[in-house]
Structures are given as C-alpha cells and as structure tokens.
Amino acid sequence: MNVAFDRWIPVVTTSGNPEKASLAEVFTQGNAYADLAVRPHERVALMRLFLCIAHAALDGPRNYPEWRDVPKQLAEKVYMYLTKWDGKGSFELFHPDKPWLQVAALRGVEKGNGNAGQTSPVALLDFELATGNRTTLFDHSGSMTVRMIDPGRIALNLLTFQNFSSGGGSPVAQWDKTKTMQVGNPDAPCLSQSMAHCLLRGRNLKETIHLNLPTYERIGMLYLGYSYNKKEKKDLFAKVDLGRPVWECFPGTPEDSEAIVNATRTYMGRLVPVSRWVRLIENTDQMYCCNGFKYDTYRDGFPAEPTSSVRLIKRRDKKGIETEERKIVGIGPGRAIWRELSALMAKRSAEGLGGPLAMDNAPNDMAYDFHVCAMIRDQASMDIAIDSVFHIRPALQNNLGAYSDEVARSERIYYRLRRAVGTYRSTIDNDWVPRVKRSQPRDQSKLKDRLAQTASLFYWTTVEKNLPLLMDHIEAIGTDNAIPTRAAWRKMIFAAACDAYRTACGQESPRQRHAFAKGWQVLTSKREEPEQEMNENNEEDV
C-alpha cells in the first residue's frame, strides 16, 4: 500500500460522485474534487497531512506574495516532492524498514514461554469499531475471530489515530530497550481539551488547501508558546521552529533526541504526529501498538494547534478576586457552536489570542464557508464527533463585535433564567441549598445543571430556531433598520426565557405560586448582571 500514489482518501467529485483519491491526485486534480467525504476527526487529520506536504514541497509559502502564487505551483511541486520521497520508501504502509508513521523495530513484550509478545487488533485504530470496551451499537462484528480491513482504510485510521487517540490505558510494547507503560498515557495533540478545529472551505479541494495554508511569516509571528512569569508578573512568548515532516527524519531509536524534538516540538513535525508507536503486521488483522512520543499541549506552555482558537476567560474566586486565564476554545454537548463563533473567527493576535492561523487568508469581501470540527472526549474515551459548517457573509465578518455582544446578551439572560429556577427550587425546598453545599465541588455544577435542564433546553431551542432574527440585525447594521431588528432579537430572547421559566416551574399550589413569584422577580429584574465565573463546560458557575 503506497500512501502517496494509491487511492485511499474518500472524496466527492464536483458532480457529486463518491470516489477514492491518492495524495498525488488530491493536489494534481484538486479542482475535480468538491470536498472530502470523511468524518470530522478524519477531516482534521487529512487536512494537517495536506498542509504538511504543501509546506514541504513549496518550502513555503514564505510571505503573502508567495501565498498568492501557490495555486500555480502547488500541483507540480507536490508531485515532484512525493516522487522524491516515495523513492526513499517514505510512503509505503508496510515497508520493512521505514513503514509510514510506524516504528519498524516495535515488538510486543515477550512472555516467559518464548512466544512473541501480545498484539492488538487493527480495528483498535478506528474509533467507531467495536473493539475492547467500545460499544457494539453500530458495529456487530467485534466478536469475529478475524476481521480484515482494507489497507486504504487502515492508512486513514492510522493517520487519524495518531492525531486523536485518547490518553489513559494502552497496550504495552517495546522498542529496543524501551518498554512502554500501560497507564498514564497522554492525549494525542488534536484531542486535548475537546478543542474546536476550524478550517476554511473553498469551492473545491484545491482551493480549500490553499485557503488553509498559512505563510511562514505569519507562523513565525503567531505560532508562539505562552507562559506567565508569576515573579515578574509578565507574559512570556517563545518561538517554535518550522521543522520538517516526520517521515523526512523519523527517530531511529527512542533516544534519538534531535529527531524526536523535530517530531514533537516543531510546527511541521507536529502536523503529522507519532503520538503512538504502531507497527502493522501485513496480511493480518493484528498490530503492535503502545504509547508513543509526548506532545506538549497549550496547558504545557506550547503553542495552540494551528487550527484551534485561544481566548481569555475571566474567573472570580470565592473572595471575589477576578483573574484572567487563557484557554483553548473547546466544544461541549451543552453549548452550541454558534455561541462560540466570535471567538473561533477572530484573527490570531501577536499575543497568541484568536482563531486559527488560516483566518489571515479568509476573504473580506465575499462569503465563504467556515468549517468547525471537534471530538468531544468523555474521560479517556472519544464520545461525540462534531461537524458544523457556517456560511460567513461579509456583514458578519465586519460586525463580529456586535454579533459577540448579542450572543453575550442571550447568555446573560440564560444565566438569569438559571438563577430564577434556583430561587424557585430553594423557596419550595428548604434542603436544596444545603444539599448543594454538602456535595463535592465538582458535583455542585452538575446538580445545578440537572435542576435547570428543562428550562435550558426550552430556552436554547427557541433561541436557535430564531437565529435568523440575529442575522437580520447583523445584516442591517449601518442602515435605518438596525434598531428595529435589534429590538426584535432582544424581545425574542427575553420572551424565550419567560416561556422557559413557565415551562419548568409549576404554579399548581399556593406554595408553588409563591416560589414562582420570587423566581419571576429574579428573571424580570432590569438590573444588568455582572460577568459570572464559568465552569469547565463554559457554563456559569452559579
């Protein structure tokens, strides 16, 4: 299986037909493919591979003029690059000495009887197949003695696994004298904090790659490690080398420090990571697999991934002291992506805050598609794959601040709704507040979430059904219709909160009517509420 010239990448043509394409065809015939036909995490992994190859083949683009010329040069230079490195055996999936993204010398830990070490099923690379403790809801072949998987599918699964595999427990294997641990394995770089990966989508695959390709100049300015010096009370920024693709200098041993630094601590080396050591066993459904190289994340002071976003979060402790914290924009099941759009679309600043590096390439005078992908984790397992596309019009690009303000207003009303429901409950149930205080701190927000669940679902469902009102206002900014459209949007979100409160809080008995009135006072208060502390799910910690 040759990753460069064999067909293994699912695509859809401009005429709507599903096909498979090779890496070379993606670049040389990109105009013929409308888009990839893959799952969200696979899309992110493939786009990182495309960007890595494009950078390596072009040795750039170094600046904006070179970026403008990319469409003229990309196909020819990528074909030459793939041919050159394929001649060195860098793109063979089952190469005996340098298999693609694998450790050729990896072996299982030998047992006392002299037999070969334990292997793992290749199905482990696909997050949606029933393997080990994974569900069989959509896959009933997990009990098969042998389950052969097409080599092209294995290549896609391996690439995605290296980007998104979760930490926790892992099989044990050995490379030279280095034996891996079964527990304590870190996440692959693209999964950390359930981060949102943002991509620009063009009219075809060639244009999509071009739009998402940052220049070396911008990478040097914006791809910076961040830390805070508490002693001197100042922000510290550290530049990161561009590096080389991992297949150009794959570590020869577990102690090959120069190659490991390139793979784990450079921009280009990390685009196609080797977060797990894997060796596929050809013509079988088995492999050796274990924890691989450690990839520092934003929490460790390393730059945020090129497709992710960073924002400032204000927190207030129990003493009322407010602090600011930088945080990757994550996606959760309880928070729709449209509420995060202003943070995701902001251009990344020299201080490392803002959206993906590719936002510098976003057209300002025409509409484009903004693609958000994420894999939500549940402890040490993948949980939900998120895939959303927003059609961004110039009016939204030019009025992103106004959009952010109106989203913030809808959230402030939501927080007031939560407090109103909490007031209702504490009035009819004298044990509610003590019960919350008796709970562990990490469980308190879960209790409050369950209490407000009915009201929350009603409120946000109503608001999302009426999002065209918000977009009408954004389109009307700068015209005489701006104030009426804003009033219609704000009237709607307040009415949605009132209806949600009536739905969640009954009025059957005198005690309930008394509690309802107290909660209603909280909900309809005209006083502007201050910014509240957020919990890990980006919800108010009330």
Protein backbone atom coordinates (compact mmCIF):
# COMPACT_ATOMS: atom_id res chain seq x y z
CA MET A 1 0.00 0.00 0.00
CA ASN A 2 1.59 3.25 -1.19
CA VAL A 3 0.15 6.25 0.63
CA ALA A 4 1.38 8.75 -1.97
CA PHE A 5 0.10 7.17 -5.20
CA ASP A 6 -2.52 4.54 -4.25
CA ARG A 7 -6.13 5.67 -3.85
CA TRP A 8 -7.30 5.69 -0.23
CA ILE A 9 -8.70 9.17 0.54
CA PRO A 10 -12.54 9.37 0.35
CA VAL A 11 -13.64 12.37 -1.71
CA VAL A 12 -16.72 13.59 -3.51
CA THR A 13 -16.36 14.94 -7.03
CA THR A 14 -17.81 18.23 -8.23
CA SER A 15 -20.55 16.21 -9.92
CA GLY A 16 -21.49 14.62 -6.59
CA ASN A 17 -19.99 11.14 -7.04
CA PRO A 18 -18.06 9.48 -4.18
CA GLU A 19 -14.56 8.32 -5.12
CA LYS A 20 -11.18 7.46 -3.64
CA ALA A 21 -8.16 9.62 -4.46
CA SER A 22 -4.44 9.32 -3.83
CA LEU A 23 -2.39 12.02 -2.15
CA ALA A 24 -0.90 12.93 -5.51
CA GLU A 25 -4.36 13.23 -7.10
CA VAL A 26 -5.63 15.46 -4.30
CA PHE A 27 -3.00 18.03 -5.28
CA THR A 28 -2.84 17.48 -9.05
CA GLN A 29 -6.60 17.08 -9.63
CA GLY A 30 -7.94 19.08 -6.69
CA ASN A 31 -10.24 21.12 -8.94
CA ALA A 32 -12.23 17.94 -9.69
CA TYR A 33 -12.99 17.17 -6.03
CA ALA A 34 -15.61 19.23 -4.25
CA ASP A 35 -14.69 18.06 -0.76
CA LEU A 36 -13.53 15.21 1.43
CA ALA A 37 -16.12 12.54 2.31
CA VAL A 38 -14.92 11.70 5.82
CA ARG A 39 -15.83 12.03 9.49
CA PRO A 40 -14.89 15.24 11.39
CA HIS A 41 -11.73 13.93 13.09
CA GLU A 42 -10.60 12.30 9.85
CA ARG A 43 -11.04 15.62 8.05
CA VAL A 44 -8.78 17.38 10.54
CA ALA A 45 -6.11 14.66 10.29
CA LEU A 46 -6.16 14.71 6.48
CA MET A 47 -6.03 18.50 6.26
CA ARG A 48 -2.99 18.56 8.55
CA LEU A 49 -1.33 16.00 6.27
CA PHE A 50 -2.15 18.08 3.18
CA LEU A 51 -0.75 21.25 4.78
CA CYS A 52 2.42 19.48 5.87
CA ILE A 53 3.06 18.15 2.36
CA ALA A 54 2.27 21.51 0.78
CA HIS A 55 4.70 23.34 3.09
CA ALA A 56 7.44 20.78 2.49
CA ALA A 57 7.01 20.76 -1.28
CA LEU A 58 6.91 24.56 -1.62
CA ASP A 59 9.40 25.30 1.15
CA GLY A 60 6.87 27.97 1.97
CA PRO A 61 4.92 30.00 1.19
CA ARG A 62 7.21 32.45 2.94
CA ASN A 63 5.08 35.57 2.58
CA TYR A 64 1.82 36.86 1.11
CA PRO A 65 3.07 37.31 -2.49
CA GLU A 66 4.28 33.68 -2.48
CA TRP A 67 0.93 32.60 -1.00
CA ARG A 68 -0.89 34.28 -3.91
CA ASP A 69 1.18 32.17 -6.34
CA VAL A 70 0.57 28.86 -4.57
CA PRO A 71 -2.24 27.63 -6.93
CA LYS A 72 0.12 27.97 -9.93
CA GLN A 73 2.93 25.91 -8.39
CA LEU A 74 1.35 23.51 -5.91
CA ALA A 75 0.46 20.58 -8.18
CA GLU A 76 3.84 20.30 -9.90
CA LYS A 77 5.95 20.79 -6.81
CA VAL A 78 3.93 18.37 -4.68
CA TYR A 79 4.15 15.69 -7.37
CA MET A 80 7.92 16.14 -7.52
CA TYR A 81 8.15 16.03 -3.73
CA LEU A 82 6.06 12.87 -3.39
CA THR A 83 8.04 11.16 -6.14
CA LYS A 84 11.33 12.06 -4.46
CA TRP A 85 10.41 10.77 -1.01
CA ASP A 86 8.49 7.79 -2.34
CA GLY A 87 11.76 6.75 -3.97
CA LYS A 88 13.23 6.65 -0.46
CA GLY A 89 10.42 4.38 0.75
CA SER A 90 8.81 7.02 2.95
CA PHE A 91 5.19 6.40 1.89
CA GLU A 92 4.90 2.61 1.99
CA LEU A 93 2.44 1.47 4.64
CA PHE A 94 4.11 -1.94 5.04
CA HIS A 95 7.74 -1.06 4.25
CA PRO A 96 10.06 -3.49 6.09
CA ASP A 97 12.46 -0.78 7.30
CA LYS A 98 10.50 2.51 7.39
CA PRO A 99 6.74 1.91 7.31
CA TRP A 100 4.69 5.11 7.12
CA LEU A 101 4.07 6.65 10.59
CA GLN A 102 5.19 3.40 12.25
CA VAL A 103 8.12 2.03 14.22
CA ALA A 104 9.65 -0.82 12.25
CA ALA A 105 11.53 -2.23 15.27
CA LEU A 106 8.49 -2.26 17.57
CA ARG A 107 7.63 -5.64 19.08
CA GLY A 108 5.36 -6.99 21.74
CA VAL A 109 6.69 -7.70 25.20
CA GLU A 110 7.85 -11.30 25.17
CA LYS A 111 6.33 -13.76 27.59
CA GLY A 112 8.17 -16.31 29.67
CA ASN A 113 7.40 -19.18 27.26
CA GLY A 114 9.46 -17.54 24.49
CA ASN A 115 6.44 -16.70 22.33
CA ALA A 116 6.10 -13.36 20.61
CA GLY A 117 4.53 -10.54 22.60
CA GLN A 118 0.85 -9.77 22.63
CA THR A 119 -0.63 -7.99 19.60
CA SER A 120 -3.67 -5.74 19.28
CA PRO A 121 -6.41 -5.83 16.62
CA VAL A 122 -6.03 -3.31 13.79
CA ALA A 123 -9.68 -2.38 14.45
CA LEU A 124 -8.37 -0.52 17.51
CA LEU A 125 -7.31 2.28 15.16
CA ASP A 126 -10.93 3.00 14.18
CA PHE A 127 -12.80 4.77 16.98
CA GLU A 128 -16.20 3.57 15.75
CA LEU A 129 -15.50 -0.16 15.56
CA ALA A 130 -16.39 -2.45 18.46
CA THR A 131 -13.02 -3.32 20.00
CA GLY A 132 -12.21 -3.90 23.64
CA ASN A 133 -14.70 -1.93 25.75
CA ARG A 134 -16.22 0.02 22.84
CA THR A 135 -19.93 -0.18 22.18
CA THR A 136 -21.38 -2.51 19.56
CA LEU A 137 -24.35 -0.22 18.88
CA PHE A 138 -23.33 0.39 15.26
CA ASP A 139 -20.85 -2.46 14.80
CA HIS A 140 -21.75 -6.10 15.40
CA SER A 141 -18.55 -7.63 14.02
CA GLY A 142 -16.41 -7.19 17.10
CA SER A 143 -16.77 -10.87 18.02
CA MET A 144 -15.34 -12.08 14.72
CA THR A 145 -12.19 -14.19 15.08
CA VAL A 146 -10.55 -12.39 12.15
CA ARG A 147 -11.67 -9.01 10.80
CA MET A 148 -9.62 -7.91 7.81
CA ILE A 149 -9.67 -4.21 6.98
CA ASP A 150 -8.81 -2.70 3.62
CA PRO A 151 -5.26 -1.24 3.58
CA GLY A 152 -6.57 2.13 2.39
CA ARG A 153 -8.93 2.26 5.35
CA ILE A 154 -6.07 1.27 7.65
CA ALA A 155 -3.99 4.18 6.34
CA LEU A 156 -6.78 6.66 7.11
CA ASN A 157 -7.40 5.10 10.53
CA LEU A 158 -3.69 5.19 11.39
CA LEU A 159 -3.36 8.85 10.45
CA THR A 160 -6.46 9.77 12.47
CA PHE A 161 -5.37 7.62 15.43
CA GLN A 162 -2.03 9.43 15.61
CA ASN A 163 -3.86 12.77 15.80
CA PHE A 164 -6.80 11.93 18.08
CA SER A 165 -6.08 8.87 20.22
CA SER A 166 -7.03 9.42 23.85
CA GLY A 167 -4.84 9.02 26.91
CA GLY A 168 -5.27 6.58 29.75
CA GLY A 169 -4.69 2.86 29.34
CA SER A 170 -2.80 1.49 26.36
CA PRO A 171 -1.27 -1.83 25.26
CA VAL A 172 2.36 -2.48 26.18
CA ALA A 173 5.14 -2.93 23.62
CA GLN A 174 8.89 -2.49 23.37
CA TRP A 175 11.24 -0.55 21.09
CA ASP A 176 14.87 -1.50 21.59
CA LYS A 177 15.31 -1.39 25.36
CA THR A 178 12.37 0.98 25.96
CA LYS A 179 9.25 -0.70 27.32
CA THR A 180 6.11 1.43 27.46
CA MET A 181 3.72 1.78 30.38
CA GLN A 182 0.13 0.53 30.31
CA VAL A 183 -1.32 3.56 32.13
CA GLY A 184 -0.65 7.28 32.30
CA ASN A 185 -0.53 7.86 28.54
CA PRO A 186 -1.20 11.46 27.37
CA ASP A 187 -3.68 12.53 24.71
CA ALA A 188 -2.68 12.91 21.09
CA PRO A 189 -2.25 16.62 20.25
CA CYS A 190 -5.59 17.21 18.46
CA LEU A 191 -7.84 15.79 21.20
CA SER A 192 -6.70 17.81 24.20
CA GLN A 193 -9.49 19.81 25.88
CA SER A 194 -12.01 18.75 23.19
CA MET A 195 -10.65 21.61 21.14
CA ALA A 196 -12.50 23.04 18.16
CA HIS A 197 -10.59 22.71 14.89
CA CYS A 198 -11.50 25.43 12.41
CA LEU A 199 -11.00 25.20 8.65
CA LEU A 200 -11.91 27.40 5.72
CA ARG A 201 -13.75 25.60 2.92
CA GLY A 202 -13.33 26.60 -0.71
CA ARG A 203 -15.24 25.73 -3.87
CA ASN A 204 -13.09 22.64 -4.36
CA LEU A 205 -10.37 20.71 -2.55
CA LYS A 206 -7.54 22.61 -4.22
CA GLU A 207 -8.96 25.93 -3.05
CA THR A 208 -9.60 24.53 0.44
CA ILE A 209 -5.94 23.56 0.83
CA HIS A 210 -4.84 26.98 -0.42
CA LEU A 211 -7.14 28.85 1.98
CA ASN A 212 -5.87 26.89 5.00
CA LEU A 213 -2.16 27.25 4.17
CA PRO A 214 -0.52 29.89 6.39
CA THR A 215 2.68 31.67 5.38
CA TYR A 216 5.97 31.12 7.19
CA GLU A 217 5.94 34.82 8.04
CA ARG A 218 2.63 34.53 9.91
CA ILE A 219 3.61 31.23 11.53
CA GLY A 220 6.71 32.89 12.96
CA MET A 221 4.66 35.81 14.30
CA LEU A 222 1.63 33.93 15.65
CA TYR A 223 2.66 30.32 16.43
CA LEU A 224 4.14 31.13 19.84
CA GLY A 225 4.46 29.27 23.12
CA TYR A 226 2.94 31.11 26.06
CA SER A 227 3.72 31.14 29.77
CA TYR A 228 3.24 33.57 32.64
CA ASN A 229 6.10 34.64 34.90
CA LYS A 230 4.48 34.98 38.32
CA LYS A 231 7.58 36.51 39.87
CA GLU A 232 7.91 39.30 37.33
CA LYS A 233 4.17 39.32 36.57
CA LYS A 234 4.52 39.36 32.81
CA ASP A 235 3.65 37.21 29.80
CA LEU A 236 6.41 35.24 28.12
CA PHE A 237 6.36 34.14 24.49
CA ALA A 238 8.65 31.61 22.84
CA LYS A 239 9.09 30.98 19.11
CA VAL A 240 8.84 27.49 17.65
CA ASP A 241 10.97 26.21 14.76
CA LEU A 242 9.30 25.28 11.49
CA GLY A 243 10.91 21.82 11.43
CA ARG A 244 10.47 19.08 8.83
CA PRO A 245 7.81 16.40 8.18
CA VAL A 246 8.28 13.39 10.42
CA TRP A 247 8.90 10.99 7.52
CA GLU A 248 11.93 13.03 6.47
CA CYS A 249 13.73 12.39 9.76
CA PHE A 250 11.88 9.67 11.66
CA PRO A 251 13.52 8.86 15.02
CA GLY A 252 15.84 5.87 14.64
CA THR A 253 15.76 4.97 18.33
CA PRO A 254 13.76 6.05 21.41
CA GLU A 255 16.79 8.17 22.37
CA ASP A 256 17.18 9.97 19.02
CA SER A 257 16.72 13.37 20.66
CA GLU A 258 17.19 15.56 17.57
CA ALA A 259 14.58 13.70 15.52
CA ILE A 260 12.21 13.49 18.50
CA VAL A 261 12.41 17.25 19.05
CA ASN A 262 11.61 17.77 15.36
CA ALA A 263 8.63 15.42 15.60
CA THR A 264 7.18 16.81 18.82
CA ARG A 265 8.28 20.45 19.16
CA THR A 266 8.25 21.97 15.67
CA TYR A 267 5.38 23.30 13.60
CA MET A 268 5.73 20.94 10.65
CA GLY A 269 6.76 17.89 12.67
CA ARG A 270 3.57 18.10 14.76
CA LEU A 271 1.22 18.42 11.77
CA VAL A 272 1.55 14.65 11.28
CA PRO A 273 2.28 13.35 14.79
CA VAL A 274 3.53 10.00 16.04
CA SER A 275 1.75 10.07 19.39
CA ARG A 276 1.50 6.25 19.42
CA TRP A 277 4.12 3.71 18.41
CA VAL A 278 2.49 1.33 15.94
CA ARG A 279 3.67 -1.47 13.68
CA LEU A 280 1.14 -3.10 11.39
CA ILE A 281 1.58 -6.80 10.61
CA GLU A 282 0.99 -7.23 6.89
CA ASN A 283 -1.75 -9.63 5.69
CA THR A 284 -3.20 -9.96 9.20
CA ASP A 285 -5.70 -8.08 11.31
CA GLN A 286 -3.13 -7.56 14.08
CA MET A 287 -0.54 -4.94 15.03
CA TYR A 288 1.78 -3.88 17.81
CA CYS A 289 0.60 -0.65 19.43
CA CYS A 290 1.57 1.35 22.51
CA ASN A 291 2.11 4.86 23.81
CA GLY A 292 4.49 6.96 21.69
CA PHE A 293 6.17 10.33 21.88
CA LYS A 294 4.80 13.00 24.22
CA TYR A 295 3.29 16.06 22.58
CA ASP A 296 3.07 19.09 24.85
CA THR A 297 -0.22 20.98 24.69
CA TYR A 298 -1.26 24.56 25.35
CA ARG A 299 -1.56 23.70 29.04
CA ASP A 300 2.13 22.81 28.98
CA GLY A 301 3.08 26.20 27.53
CA PHE A 302 3.29 25.06 23.91
CA PRO A 303 1.52 26.97 21.11
CA ALA A 304 -2.11 26.15 20.42
CA GLU A 305 -2.62 23.89 17.42
CA PRO A 306 -2.72 25.86 14.13
CA THR A 307 -6.41 25.02 13.60
CA SER A 308 -7.53 25.82 17.17
CA SER A 309 -8.55 29.04 18.94
CA VAL A 310 -7.48 30.70 22.18
CA ARG A 311 -9.44 33.19 24.26
CA LEU A 312 -9.33 34.90 27.65
CA ILE A 313 -11.63 33.58 30.38
CA LYS A 314 -12.47 35.74 33.38
CA ARG A 315 -12.82 33.88 36.65
CA ARG A 316 -13.83 35.05 40.09
CA ASP A 317 -12.80 33.11 43.18
CA LYS A 318 -14.75 32.81 46.43
CA LYS A 319 -13.18 36.04 47.72
CA GLY A 320 -14.40 37.93 44.68
CA ILE A 321 -10.95 38.38 43.19
CA GLU A 322 -11.13 38.33 39.39
CA THR A 323 -8.41 36.75 37.29
CA GLU A 324 -7.91 36.15 33.60
CA GLU A 325 -6.89 32.82 32.12
CA ARG A 326 -6.01 31.79 28.57
CA LYS A 327 -7.89 28.77 27.39
CA ILE A 328 -8.34 26.73 24.24
CA VAL A 329 -11.88 27.05 22.87
CA GLY A 330 -13.41 23.64 23.47
CA ILE A 331 -16.68 22.20 22.26
CA GLY A 332 -19.18 20.61 24.63
CA PRO A 333 -22.54 18.92 24.10
CA GLY A 334 -24.32 21.59 26.13
CA ARG A 335 -23.03 24.59 24.19
CA ALA A 336 -23.86 25.16 20.54
CA ILE A 337 -21.03 26.27 18.27
CA TRP A 338 -22.80 29.45 17.10
CA ARG A 339 -22.28 30.81 20.61
CA GLU A 340 -18.51 30.39 20.16
CA LEU A 341 -18.33 31.75 16.62
CA SER A 342 -16.86 35.15 17.51
CA ALA A 343 -14.00 33.51 19.45
CA LEU A 344 -13.35 30.99 16.69
CA MET A 345 -13.33 33.54 13.86
CA ALA A 346 -11.13 36.19 15.45
CA LYS A 347 -7.76 36.61 13.76
CA ARG A 348 -4.93 35.42 15.99
CA SER A 349 -3.01 38.31 17.53
CA ALA A 350 0.69 38.64 18.26
CA GLU A 351 -0.16 37.72 21.88
CA GLY A 352 -1.44 34.33 20.74
CA LEU A 353 -5.15 35.07 21.23
CA GLY A 354 -7.68 34.38 18.49
CA GLY A 355 -8.67 31.79 15.95
CA PRO A 356 -6.80 29.51 13.56
CA LEU A 357 -3.77 30.71 11.63
CA ALA A 358 -5.74 30.35 8.39
CA MET A 359 -8.07 33.23 9.33
CA ASP A 360 -5.49 35.56 7.77
CA ASN A 361 -6.48 34.02 4.43
CA ALA A 362 -10.22 34.50 4.88
CA PRO A 363 -11.68 36.74 2.13
CA ASN A 364 -13.06 40.02 3.45
CA ASP A 365 -15.28 40.98 0.53
CA MET A 366 -17.07 37.73 -0.25
CA ALA A 367 -18.89 34.91 1.53
CA TYR A 368 -17.07 31.73 2.49
CA ASP A 369 -17.66 28.55 4.47
CA PHE A 370 -16.25 28.21 7.98
CA HIS A 371 -15.92 24.55 8.97
CA VAL A 372 -15.72 23.56 12.65
CA CYS A 373 -14.77 20.01 13.65
CA ALA A 374 -14.26 18.56 17.11
CA MET A 375 -14.09 15.29 19.00
CA ILE A 376 -15.67 15.57 22.44
CA ARG A 377 -13.98 13.31 24.95
CA ASP A 378 -15.52 11.54 27.93
CA GLN A 379 -12.72 10.90 30.42
CA ALA A 380 -10.31 8.64 28.48
CA SER A 381 -12.62 7.89 25.55
CA MET A 382 -13.92 9.68 22.47
CA ASP A 383 -17.58 10.50 22.89
CA ILE A 384 -19.18 12.67 20.20
CA ALA A 385 -17.85 13.90 16.85
CA ILE A 386 -18.96 17.43 15.97
CA ASP A 387 -19.12 18.78 12.43
CA SER A 388 -20.64 22.21 11.63
CA VAL A 389 -20.38 24.47 8.60
CA PHE A 390 -21.25 28.19 8.77
CA HIS A 391 -21.70 30.29 5.65
CA ILE A 392 -19.99 33.54 6.62
CA ARG A 393 -21.14 36.65 4.79
CA PRO A 394 -19.23 39.95 4.71
CA ALA A 395 -21.71 41.62 7.07
CA LEU A 396 -20.87 39.13 9.82
CA GLN A 397 -17.13 39.47 9.20
CA ASN A 398 -17.36 43.25 9.51
CA ASN A 399 -19.64 43.22 12.58
CA LEU A 400 -18.22 40.34 14.59
CA GLY A 401 -18.10 42.53 17.70
CA ALA A 402 -21.83 43.27 17.50
CA TYR A 403 -22.55 39.58 16.98
CA SER A 404 -20.47 38.73 20.05
CA ASP A 405 -22.32 41.33 22.14
CA GLU A 406 -25.73 39.94 21.21
CA VAL A 407 -24.63 36.35 21.93
CA ALA A 408 -23.33 37.54 25.31
CA ARG A 409 -26.71 39.19 25.99
CA SER A 410 -28.54 35.94 25.25
CA GLU A 411 -26.21 34.14 27.66
CA ARG A 412 -26.71 36.73 30.41
CA ILE A 413 -30.48 36.22 30.14
CA TYR A 414 -29.89 32.47 30.27
CA TYR A 415 -27.85 32.83 33.46
CA ARG A 416 -30.65 34.93 34.94
CA LEU A 417 -33.09 32.15 33.98
CA ARG A 418 -30.91 29.64 35.84
CA ARG A 419 -30.88 31.81 38.95
CA ALA A 420 -34.64 32.20 38.73
CA VAL A 421 -35.11 28.43 38.60
CA GLY A 422 -32.69 28.08 41.51
CA THR A 423 -34.68 30.64 43.52
CA TYR A 424 -37.90 28.77 42.77
CA ARG A 425 -36.40 25.47 43.93
CA SER A 426 -34.85 26.87 47.13
CA THR A 427 -38.16 28.51 48.04
CA ILE A 428 -40.19 25.29 47.87
CA ASP A 429 -37.36 23.03 49.06
CA ASN A 430 -35.53 24.23 52.17
CA ASP A 431 -32.95 21.45 51.79
CA TRP A 432 -31.85 22.43 48.26
CA VAL A 433 -29.14 24.96 49.17
CA PRO A 434 -27.69 22.78 51.98
CA ARG A 435 -27.75 19.79 49.62
CA VAL A 436 -25.68 21.67 47.05
CA LYS A 437 -23.21 22.79 49.70
CA ARG A 438 -22.87 19.22 51.01
CA SER A 439 -21.90 17.97 47.55
CA GLN A 440 -18.36 17.78 46.27
CA PRO A 441 -17.32 20.98 44.43
CA ARG A 442 -17.09 19.10 41.13
CA ASP A 443 -20.64 17.76 41.59
CA GLN A 444 -22.28 21.07 42.52
CA SER A 445 -22.45 22.40 38.96
CA LYS A 446 -23.86 19.05 37.79
CA LEU A 447 -26.68 19.34 40.33
CA LYS A 448 -27.49 22.85 39.12
CA ASP A 449 -27.34 21.72 35.50
CA ARG A 450 -29.88 18.97 36.19
CA LEU A 451 -32.13 21.42 38.01
CA ALA A 452 -32.13 23.85 35.08
CA GLN A 453 -32.19 21.19 32.35
CA THR A 454 -35.82 21.63 31.29
CA ALA A 455 -35.58 25.43 31.22
CA SER A 456 -32.22 25.32 29.41
CA LEU A 457 -33.43 23.03 26.66
CA PHE A 458 -36.57 25.09 26.09
CA TYR A 459 -34.69 28.39 26.07
CA TRP A 460 -31.82 27.46 23.77
CA THR A 461 -34.05 25.52 21.38
CA THR A 462 -36.29 28.57 21.00
CA VAL A 463 -33.34 30.92 20.56
CA GLU A 464 -31.69 28.72 17.93
CA LYS A 465 -34.94 28.45 15.98
CA ASN A 466 -34.98 32.23 15.82
CA LEU A 467 -31.33 32.85 14.95
CA PRO A 468 -32.39 34.45 11.61
CA LEU A 469 -33.51 37.43 13.73
CA LEU A 470 -29.92 37.90 14.91
CA MET A 471 -28.54 37.56 11.41
CA ASP A 472 -31.12 40.06 10.12
CA HIS A 473 -29.81 42.54 12.68
CA ILE A 474 -26.18 41.92 11.70
CA GLU A 475 -27.05 42.46 8.04
CA ALA A 476 -28.93 45.68 8.93
CA ILE A 477 -26.09 47.31 10.92
CA GLY A 478 -25.28 50.66 9.35
CA THR A 479 -28.81 51.10 7.99
CA ASP A 480 -32.04 52.59 9.34
CA ASN A 481 -33.30 49.09 10.04
CA ALA A 482 -30.59 48.26 12.60
CA ILE A 483 -32.52 49.38 15.70
CA PRO A 484 -35.84 47.63 14.85
CA THR A 485 -34.07 44.36 14.01
CA ARG A 486 -32.05 44.52 17.23
CA ALA A 487 -35.22 45.14 19.22
CA ALA A 488 -36.92 42.13 17.60
CA TRP A 489 -33.98 39.87 18.50
CA ARG A 490 -33.78 41.07 22.12
CA LYS A 491 -37.54 40.83 22.59
CA MET A 492 -37.43 37.25 21.35
CA ILE A 493 -34.67 36.07 23.73
CA PHE A 494 -36.42 37.63 26.74
CA ALA A 495 -39.74 36.07 25.76
CA ALA A 496 -38.00 32.71 25.32
CA ALA A 497 -36.61 32.95 28.86
CA CYS A 498 -40.05 33.77 30.29
CA ASP A 499 -41.67 30.86 28.46
CA ALA A 500 -38.87 28.53 29.59
CA TYR A 501 -39.39 29.58 33.22
CA ARG A 502 -43.15 28.97 32.99
CA THR A 503 -42.50 25.54 31.47
CA ALA A 504 -40.02 24.46 34.15
CA CYS A 505 -41.68 25.93 37.26
CA GLY A 506 -45.23 24.92 38.14
CA GLN A 507 -47.91 27.10 39.77
CA GLU A 508 -50.42 24.49 40.96
CA SER A 509 -50.30 25.09 44.73
CA PRO A 510 -50.08 28.30 46.79
CA ARG A 511 -46.52 27.34 47.82
CA GLN A 512 -45.53 26.93 44.17
CA ARG A 513 -47.16 30.23 43.20
CA HIS A 514 -45.20 31.98 45.97
CA ALA A 515 -41.95 30.38 44.75
CA PHE A 516 -42.85 31.24 41.15
CA ALA A 517 -43.31 34.91 42.03
CA LYS A 518 -39.92 35.09 43.76
CA GLY A 519 -38.20 33.47 40.80
CA TRP A 520 -40.09 35.73 38.39
CA GLN A 521 -38.70 38.77 40.18
CA VAL A 522 -35.17 37.48 39.57
CA LEU A 523 -35.89 36.74 35.92
CA THR A 524 -37.52 40.07 35.07
CA SER A 525 -35.10 42.26 37.03
CA LYS A 526 -33.90 45.24 34.98
CA ARG A 527 -30.54 45.29 36.74
CA GLU A 528 -27.63 44.32 34.49
CA GLU A 529 -25.91 41.26 35.88
CA PRO A 530 -22.10 41.24 36.03
CA GLU A 531 -19.98 38.71 34.16
CA GLN A 532 -20.08 35.45 36.07
CA GLU A 533 -17.43 32.81 36.65
CA MET A 534 -17.60 29.93 34.18
CA ASN A 535 -17.08 26.28 34.89
CA GLU A 536 -15.18 23.82 32.72
CA ASN A 537 -18.13 23.44 30.36
CA ASN A 538 -18.21 27.21 29.75
CA GLU A 539 -21.40 27.47 31.77
CA GLU A 540 -21.97 29.92 34.59
CA ASP A 541 -20.92 28.60 37.99
CA VAL A 542 -23.99 29.73 39.95
